[in-house]
C-alpha atoms as a PDB file:
ATOM      1  CA  MET A   1       0.000   0.000   0.000  1.00  0.00           C
ATOM      2  CA  ARG A   2       2.891   2.371   0.724  1.00  0.00           C
ATOM      3  CA  GLY A   3       4.221   1.852  -2.811  1.00  0.00           C
ATOM      4  CA  LEU A   4       0.846   2.835  -4.232  1.00  0.00           C
ATOM      5  CA  VAL A   5       0.709   5.974  -2.082  1.00  0.00           C
ATOM      6  CA  ALA A   6       4.226   6.953  -3.172  1.00  0.00           C
ATOM      7  CA  ALA A   7       3.345   6.410  -6.830  1.00  0.00           C
ATOM      8  CA  VAL A   8       0.209   8.549  -6.520  1.00  0.00           C
ATOM      9  CA  ALA A   9       2.203  11.291  -4.767  1.00  0.00           C
ATOM     10  CA  ALA A  10       4.850  11.258  -7.521  1.00  0.00           C
ATOM     11  CA  LEU A  11       2.145  11.417 -10.171  1.00  0.00           C
ATOM     12  CA  ALA A  12       0.567  14.395  -8.393  1.00  0.00           C
ATOM     13  CA  VAL A  13       3.906  16.241  -8.529  1.00  0.00           C
ATOM     14  CA  VAL A  14       4.262  15.607 -12.262  1.00  0.00           C
ATOM     15  CA  VAL A  15       0.674  16.606 -12.989  1.00  0.00           C
ATOM     16  CA  SER A  16       1.002  19.804 -10.946  1.00  0.00           C
ATOM     17  CA  LEU A  17       3.773  21.253 -13.177  1.00  0.00           C
ATOM     18  CA  PRO A  18       2.883  24.697 -14.492  1.00  0.00           C
ATOM     19  CA  ALA A  19       1.716  24.767 -18.105  1.00  0.00           C
ATOM     20  CA  THR A  20       4.449  27.275 -19.082  1.00  0.00           C
ATOM     21  CA  ALA A  21       7.194  24.807 -18.164  1.00  0.00           C
ATOM     22  CA  VAL A  22       5.696  22.120 -20.378  1.00  0.00           C
ATOM     23  CA  THR A  23       5.014  24.388 -23.381  1.00  0.00           C
ATOM     24  CA  ALA A  24       8.416  26.123 -23.150  1.00  0.00           C
ATOM     25  CA  ALA A  25      10.172  22.791 -23.485  1.00  0.00           C
ATOM     26  CA  ALA A  26       8.127  21.865 -26.563  1.00  0.00           C
ATOM     27  CA  GLN A  27       8.683  25.141 -28.467  1.00  0.00           C
ATOM     28  CA  PRO A  28      11.774  25.722 -30.639  1.00  0.00           C
ATOM     29  CA  PRO A  29      14.304  28.345 -29.495  1.00  0.00           C
ATOM     30  CA  THR A  30      13.581  31.894 -30.620  1.00  0.00           C
ATOM     31  CA  SER A  31      16.576  33.898 -29.388  1.00  0.00           C
ATOM     32  CA  VAL A  32      19.658  34.403 -31.541  1.00  0.00           C
ATOM     33  CA  ARG A  33      21.913  32.753 -28.981  1.00  0.00           C
ATOM     34  CA  ALA A  34      19.662  29.693 -28.735  1.00  0.00           C
ATOM     35  CA  MET A  35      19.437  29.433 -32.528  1.00  0.00           C
ATOM     36  CA  ALA A  36      23.238  29.582 -32.784  1.00  0.00           C
ATOM     37  CA  ALA A  37      23.456  26.558 -30.514  1.00  0.00           C
ATOM     38  CA  VAL A  38      21.122  24.618 -32.831  1.00  0.00           C
ATOM     39  CA  LYS A  39      22.902  25.737 -36.046  1.00  0.00           C
ATOM     40  CA  PRO A  40      24.507  22.813 -37.928  1.00  0.00           C
ATOM     41  CA  LEU A  41      28.273  22.516 -38.066  1.00  0.00           C
ATOM     42  CA  VAL A  42      30.006  24.526 -40.765  1.00  0.00           C
ATOM     43  CA  VAL A  43      32.470  22.739 -43.025  1.00  0.00           C
ATOM     44  CA  LYS A  44      35.926  23.875 -41.882  1.00  0.00           C
ATOM     45  CA  TYR A  45      37.925  23.074 -45.010  1.00  0.00           C
ATOM     46  CA  LYS A  46      36.100  24.855 -47.830  1.00  0.00           C
ATOM     47  CA  PHE A  47      37.751  28.245 -48.239  1.00  0.00           C
ATOM     48  CA  LYS A  48      37.371  30.599 -51.189  1.00  0.00           C
ATOM     49  CA  ASN A  49      40.918  31.955 -50.886  1.00  0.00           C
ATOM     50  CA  CYS A  50      43.866  32.304 -48.496  1.00  0.00           C
ATOM     51  CA  THR A  51      42.343  35.355 -46.812  1.00  0.00           C
ATOM     52  CA  ALA A  52      39.346  33.260 -45.762  1.00  0.00           C
ATOM     53  CA  LEU A  53      41.570  30.389 -44.602  1.00  0.00           C
ATOM     54  CA  ASN A  54      43.826  32.736 -42.606  1.00  0.00           C
ATOM     55  CA  LYS A  55      40.802  34.093 -40.723  1.00  0.00           C
ATOM     56  CA  VAL A  56      40.296  30.614 -39.258  1.00  0.00           C
ATOM     57  CA  TYR A  57      43.892  29.328 -39.260  1.00  0.00           C
ATOM     58  CA  ALA A  58      46.090  32.417 -38.818  1.00  0.00           C
ATOM     59  CA  HIS A  59      49.356  30.956 -40.179  1.00  0.00           C
ATOM     60  CA  GLY A  60      47.981  28.339 -42.575  1.00  0.00           C
ATOM     61  CA  VAL A  61      47.506  24.576 -42.442  1.00  0.00           C
ATOM     62  CA  GLY A  62      50.232  22.064 -43.190  1.00  0.00           C
ATOM     63  CA  LYS A  63      51.012  18.381 -43.302  1.00  0.00           C
ATOM     64  CA  SER A  64      52.994  16.776 -40.540  1.00  0.00           C
ATOM     65  CA  GLY A  65      56.696  17.260 -41.266  1.00  0.00           C
ATOM     66  CA  ALA A  66      56.147  20.032 -43.851  1.00  0.00           C
ATOM     67  CA  ARG A  67      58.811  22.737 -44.284  1.00  0.00           C
ATOM     68  CA  ASP A  68      58.119  26.228 -45.592  1.00  0.00           C
ATOM     69  CA  HIS A  69      59.924  26.986 -48.880  1.00  0.00           C
ATOM     70  CA  THR A  70      61.088  30.563 -48.471  1.00  0.00           C
ATOM     71  CA  SER A  71      64.241  32.615 -48.764  1.00  0.00           C
ATOM     72  CA  GLY A  72      63.368  34.469 -45.536  1.00  0.00           C
ATOM     73  CA  THR A  73      62.291  33.223 -42.140  1.00  0.00           C
ATOM     74  CA  PRO A  74      60.231  30.028 -42.559  1.00  0.00           C
ATOM     75  CA  VAL A  75      56.753  29.777 -41.057  1.00  0.00           C
ATOM     76  CA  THR A  76      56.715  27.181 -38.275  1.00  0.00           C
ATOM     77  CA  ASP A  77      53.561  28.014 -36.286  1.00  0.00           C
ATOM     78  CA  PHE A  78      50.982  26.815 -38.813  1.00  0.00           C
ATOM     79  CA  LYS A  79      48.228  24.355 -37.851  1.00  0.00           C
ATOM     80  CA  VAL A  80      49.676  20.859 -38.291  1.00  0.00           C
ATOM     81  CA  SER A  81      47.026  18.447 -39.548  1.00  0.00           C
ATOM     82  CA  THR A  82      47.656  16.137 -42.481  1.00  0.00           C
ATOM     83  CA  SER A  83      43.995  15.149 -42.835  1.00  0.00           C
ATOM     84  CA  LEU A  84      42.800  18.778 -42.785  1.00  0.00           C
ATOM     85  CA  TYR A  85      45.502  19.787 -45.298  1.00  0.00           C
ATOM     86  CA  LYS A  86      44.435  16.984 -47.658  1.00  0.00           C
ATOM     87  CA  LYS A  87      40.780  18.058 -47.442  1.00  0.00           C
ATOM     88  CA  ILE A  88      41.676  21.704 -48.132  1.00  0.00           C
ATOM     89  CA  ILE A  89      43.882  20.840 -51.117  1.00  0.00           C
ATOM     90  CA  LYS A  90      41.345  18.372 -52.500  1.00  0.00           C
ATOM     91  CA  TYR A  91      38.754  21.159 -52.426  1.00  0.00           C
ATOM     92  CA  ARG A  92      41.044  23.900 -53.821  1.00  0.00           C
ATOM     93  CA  LYS A  93      44.590  23.096 -55.004  1.00  0.00           C
ATOM     94  CA  SER A  94      45.498  26.756 -55.507  1.00  0.00           C
ATOM     95  CA  LEU A  95      45.756  27.322 -51.747  1.00  0.00           C
ATOM     96  CA  ASP A  96      49.228  25.712 -51.762  1.00  0.00           C
ATOM     97  CA  ARG A  97      50.826  27.409 -54.758  1.00  0.00           C
ATOM     98  CA  ASP A  98      54.435  26.548 -53.915  1.00  0.00           C
ATOM     99  CA  LYS A  99      53.495  22.911 -53.143  1.00  0.00           C
ATOM    100  CA  ASP A 100      55.535  22.774 -49.943  1.00  0.00           C
ATOM    101  CA  GLY A 101      52.865  20.994 -47.898  1.00  0.00           C
ATOM    102  CA  ILE A 102      51.574  24.150 -46.203  1.00  0.00           C
ATOM    103  CA  ALA A 103      48.397  25.828 -47.448  1.00  0.00           C
ATOM    104  CA  CYS A 104      48.300  29.638 -47.153  1.00  0.00           C
ATOM    105  CA  GLU A 105      51.348  29.988 -44.921  1.00  0.00           C
ATOM    106  CA  ARG A 106      51.660  33.476 -43.498  1.00  0.00           C
ATOM    107  CA  ALA A 107      54.245  34.841 -41.100  1.00  0.00           C
END
């Protein structure tokens, strides 16, 4: 009998929830911040040009073990990711013009 009383008491708590709490959970988010949280992921390897890539990866993206071909000071602080580099180059080969394994290197 105690179990039945406890179950009825728990059901009374659930039933007594205010209607605003139930409807708020069922409605989609309306604020900009809430919509940004629901926004699908953006593809991070499709860049129109080096300016766009450098906004996300400040010094470029390179393969593991890549060396900058330059007569000056070589860039060494680029994002090292072989898989990301391959995706970027597969999408747009012109982002690594000197073919040194680093896309859009910038000092």
